[in-house]
N, C-alpha and C. Protein backbone atom coordinates (compact mmCIF):
# COMPACT_ATOMS: atom_id res chain seq x y z
N MET A 1 -8.29 7.51 -26.93
CA MET A 1 -9.17 7.51 -25.90
C MET A 1 -9.63 8.86 -25.32
N SER A 2 -10.88 8.84 -25.12
CA SER A 2 -11.39 10.59 -24.87
C SER A 2 -10.83 10.90 -23.22
N LYS A 3 -11.06 12.12 -22.81
CA LYS A 3 -10.36 12.82 -21.74
C LYS A 3 -11.64 12.06 -20.89
N THR A 4 -12.95 12.23 -21.06
CA THR A 4 -14.01 11.65 -20.37
C THR A 4 -14.02 10.30 -19.81
N LEU A 5 -13.55 9.43 -21.12
CA LEU A 5 -13.55 8.34 -20.84
C LEU A 5 -12.53 7.65 -19.67
N LYS A 6 -11.30 8.35 -20.11
CA LYS A 6 -10.18 8.10 -18.80
C LYS A 6 -10.45 8.47 -17.49
N LYS A 7 -11.62 9.74 -17.11
CA LYS A 7 -11.83 10.21 -16.34
C LYS A 7 -12.59 9.32 -15.26
N ILE A 8 -13.58 8.71 -16.06
CA ILE A 8 -14.48 7.70 -15.82
C ILE A 8 -13.95 6.22 -15.28
N LEU A 9 -13.03 5.81 -16.17
CA LEU A 9 -11.96 4.62 -15.87
C LEU A 9 -11.30 4.97 -14.58
N LEU A 10 -10.91 6.24 -14.29
CA LEU A 10 -10.02 6.48 -13.17
C LEU A 10 -10.99 6.61 -12.17
N VAL A 11 -12.00 7.13 -12.11
CA VAL A 11 -13.01 6.88 -10.81
C VAL A 11 -13.31 5.56 -10.43
N THR A 12 -13.59 4.94 -11.52
CA THR A 12 -14.13 3.33 -11.15
C THR A 12 -13.05 2.63 -10.39
N ALA A 13 -11.76 2.69 -11.35
CA ALA A 13 -10.64 2.04 -10.81
C ALA A 13 -10.36 2.17 -8.95
N MET A 14 -10.31 3.63 -8.77
CA MET A 14 -10.25 4.19 -7.48
C MET A 14 -11.32 3.63 -6.26
N VAL A 15 -12.79 3.83 -6.92
CA VAL A 15 -13.82 3.14 -6.11
C VAL A 15 -13.60 1.70 -5.93
N THR A 16 -13.07 0.96 -6.56
CA THR A 16 -13.00 -0.43 -6.38
C THR A 16 -11.82 -0.65 -5.45
N LEU A 17 -10.69 -0.11 -5.68
CA LEU A 17 -9.56 -0.26 -4.72
C LEU A 17 -9.97 0.59 -3.22
N VAL A 18 -10.19 1.71 -3.26
CA VAL A 18 -10.76 2.12 -1.86
C VAL A 18 -11.75 1.64 -1.11
N GLY A 19 -13.00 1.64 -1.88
CA GLY A 19 -13.91 1.01 -1.03
C GLY A 19 -13.68 -0.43 -1.18
N GLY A 20 -13.04 -1.58 -1.94
CA GLY A 20 -12.97 -2.95 -1.55
C GLY A 20 -11.81 -2.86 -0.16
N ALA A 21 -10.96 -1.88 -0.25
CA ALA A 21 -10.15 -2.15 0.74
C ALA A 21 -10.48 -1.74 2.11
N PHE A 22 -11.34 -0.93 2.13
CA PHE A 22 -12.19 -0.21 3.49
C PHE A 22 -13.20 -1.09 3.71
N THR A 23 -13.85 -1.64 3.19
CA THR A 23 -14.90 -2.66 3.39
C THR A 23 -14.57 -3.94 3.93
N GLY A 24 -13.62 -4.29 2.96
CA GLY A 24 -12.88 -5.64 3.32
C GLY A 24 -12.01 -5.47 5.09
N VAL A 25 -11.46 -4.13 5.36
CA VAL A 25 -11.26 -4.00 6.74
C VAL A 25 -12.26 -4.05 7.81
N MET A 26 -13.11 -3.15 7.58
CA MET A 26 -14.33 -3.06 8.66
C MET A 26 -14.91 -4.34 8.53
N THR A 27 -15.12 -4.94 7.48
CA THR A 27 -15.78 -6.31 7.18
C THR A 27 -15.22 -7.48 8.40
N TYR A 28 -13.66 -7.51 8.13
CA TYR A 28 -13.03 -8.31 8.90
C TYR A 28 -12.84 -7.63 10.47
N SER A 29 -12.84 -6.58 10.57
CA SER A 29 -12.63 -6.18 12.10
C SER A 29 -14.31 -6.35 12.87
N ASN A 30 -15.15 -6.56 12.29
CA ASN A 30 -16.52 -6.81 12.71
C ASN A 30 -16.83 -8.12 12.88
N ILE A 31 -16.53 -9.16 11.70
CA ILE A 31 -16.80 -10.40 11.85
C ILE A 31 -15.61 -11.42 12.03
N GLY A 32 -14.54 -10.87 11.44
CA GLY A 32 -13.47 -11.83 11.35
C GLY A 32 -13.24 -12.37 10.12
N PHE A 33 -12.89 -13.52 9.82
CA PHE A 33 -12.57 -14.72 8.89
C PHE A 33 -13.44 -15.70 8.79
N SER A 34 -14.82 -15.39 8.72
CA SER A 34 -15.60 -16.36 9.21
C SER A 34 -16.52 -16.97 7.69
N ASP A 35 -17.13 -17.92 7.80
CA ASP A 35 -17.80 -18.64 6.68
C ASP A 35 -18.85 -17.37 5.99
N ALA A 36 -19.40 -16.31 6.91
CA ALA A 36 -20.02 -15.58 6.13
C ALA A 36 -19.13 -14.15 5.77
N PHE A 37 -18.04 -14.07 5.79
CA PHE A 37 -17.20 -13.12 5.32
C PHE A 37 -17.23 -12.54 4.03
N THR A 38 -17.07 -13.68 2.97
CA THR A 38 -17.25 -13.26 1.77
C THR A 38 -18.73 -12.24 1.43
N ARG A 39 -19.68 -13.35 1.54
CA ARG A 39 -21.20 -12.48 1.50
C ARG A 39 -21.21 -11.36 2.18
N GLN A 40 -20.93 -10.89 3.40
CA GLN A 40 -20.80 -9.97 4.11
C GLN A 40 -20.23 -8.68 3.47
N TRP A 41 -19.00 -9.08 2.86
CA TRP A 41 -17.92 -8.13 2.33
C TRP A 41 -18.46 -7.93 0.91
N ALA A 42 -19.18 -8.78 0.10
CA ALA A 42 -19.80 -8.37 -0.92
C ALA A 42 -20.78 -7.45 -0.85
N LEU A 43 -21.86 -7.52 0.27
CA LEU A 43 -22.91 -6.79 0.32
C LEU A 43 -22.57 -5.46 0.72
N SER A 44 -21.60 -5.36 1.27
CA SER A 44 -20.98 -3.83 2.21
C SER A 44 -20.28 -3.07 0.72
N PHE A 45 -19.71 -3.87 0.08
CA PHE A 45 -19.03 -3.22 -1.27
C PHE A 45 -20.07 -2.89 -2.21
N VAL A 46 -21.29 -3.74 -2.49
CA VAL A 46 -22.04 -2.91 -3.27
C VAL A 46 -22.68 -1.52 -2.57
N GLN A 47 -22.90 -2.00 -1.27
CA GLN A 47 -23.97 -0.41 -0.89
C GLN A 47 -22.78 0.47 -0.61
N ALA A 48 -21.60 0.34 -1.12
CA ALA A 48 -20.31 1.36 -0.61
C ALA A 48 -20.17 2.16 -2.29
N VAL A 49 -20.23 1.42 -3.42
CA VAL A 49 -20.31 1.27 -4.65
C VAL A 49 -21.50 2.43 -4.92
N CYS A 50 -22.34 2.14 -4.43
CA CYS A 50 -23.79 3.05 -4.72
C CYS A 50 -23.79 4.36 -4.21
N VAL A 51 -22.78 4.64 -3.16
CA VAL A 51 -22.54 5.55 -2.24
C VAL A 51 -21.20 6.57 -3.14
N ILE A 52 -20.47 5.74 -2.90
CA ILE A 52 -18.93 6.46 -3.36
C ILE A 52 -19.11 7.06 -4.72
N PHE A 53 -19.18 5.75 -5.89
CA PHE A 53 -19.31 6.24 -7.17
C PHE A 53 -19.89 7.59 -7.76
N PRO A 54 -21.34 7.71 -7.12
CA PRO A 54 -21.83 8.94 -7.39
C PRO A 54 -21.48 10.19 -7.11
N THR A 55 -20.86 9.85 -5.83
CA THR A 55 -20.19 11.03 -5.13
C THR A 55 -19.04 11.39 -5.88
N SER A 56 -18.10 10.66 -5.69
CA SER A 56 -16.96 10.80 -6.85
C SER A 56 -16.91 11.45 -8.15
N VAL A 57 -17.84 11.33 -8.64
CA VAL A 57 -18.54 11.65 -10.17
C VAL A 57 -18.29 13.23 -9.76
N ALA A 58 -19.73 13.38 -8.81
CA ALA A 58 -20.05 15.00 -8.50
C ALA A 58 -18.88 15.80 -8.37
N VAL A 59 -18.31 15.01 -7.52
CA VAL A 59 -16.77 15.85 -6.88
C VAL A 59 -15.97 16.10 -8.38
N MET A 60 -15.96 14.93 -8.99
CA MET A 60 -14.83 15.43 -10.42
C MET A 60 -15.52 16.63 -11.14
N TRP A 61 -16.93 16.22 -11.32
CA TRP A 61 -17.52 17.33 -12.24
C TRP A 61 -17.30 18.61 -11.64
N ALA A 62 -17.59 18.90 -10.27
CA ALA A 62 -17.45 20.13 -9.62
C ALA A 62 -15.87 20.59 -9.81
N MET A 63 -15.04 20.00 -9.54
CA MET A 63 -13.76 20.30 -9.47
C MET A 63 -13.43 20.56 -10.99
N ASN A 64 -13.75 20.01 -12.05
CA ASN A 64 -13.58 20.33 -13.22
C ASN A 64 -14.12 21.57 -13.91
N ASN A 65 -15.29 21.93 -13.16
CA ASN A 65 -15.80 23.19 -13.39
C ASN A 65 -15.36 24.29 -12.81
N THR A 66 -14.89 24.04 -11.65
CA THR A 66 -14.45 25.52 -10.92
C THR A 66 -13.04 25.59 -10.85
N ILE A 67 -11.85 24.89 -11.25
CA ILE A 67 -10.69 24.57 -11.11
C ILE A 67 -10.33 25.68 -13.04
N PRO A 68 -9.84 26.54 -13.19
CA PRO A 68 -9.49 27.16 -14.27
C PRO A 68 -8.24 26.31 -15.17
N ARG A 69 -8.34 26.11 -16.53
CA ARG A 69 -7.56 25.27 -17.39
C ARG A 69 -6.39 26.05 -17.48
């Protein structure tokens, strides 16, 4: 497996875990476990992924180019 693919899989896994946990906690603190929890959490998670994933890729790219090997 190439290094680039490993990096992409790592970012994807971290975004899923961190984004899912944070949006889950924030959704629970705002509306609790109601009938609308799953729908609201899924919407929040998708919105977070649309922001976190590109940001994570940009940070990884910048670090990869900045830190000497």
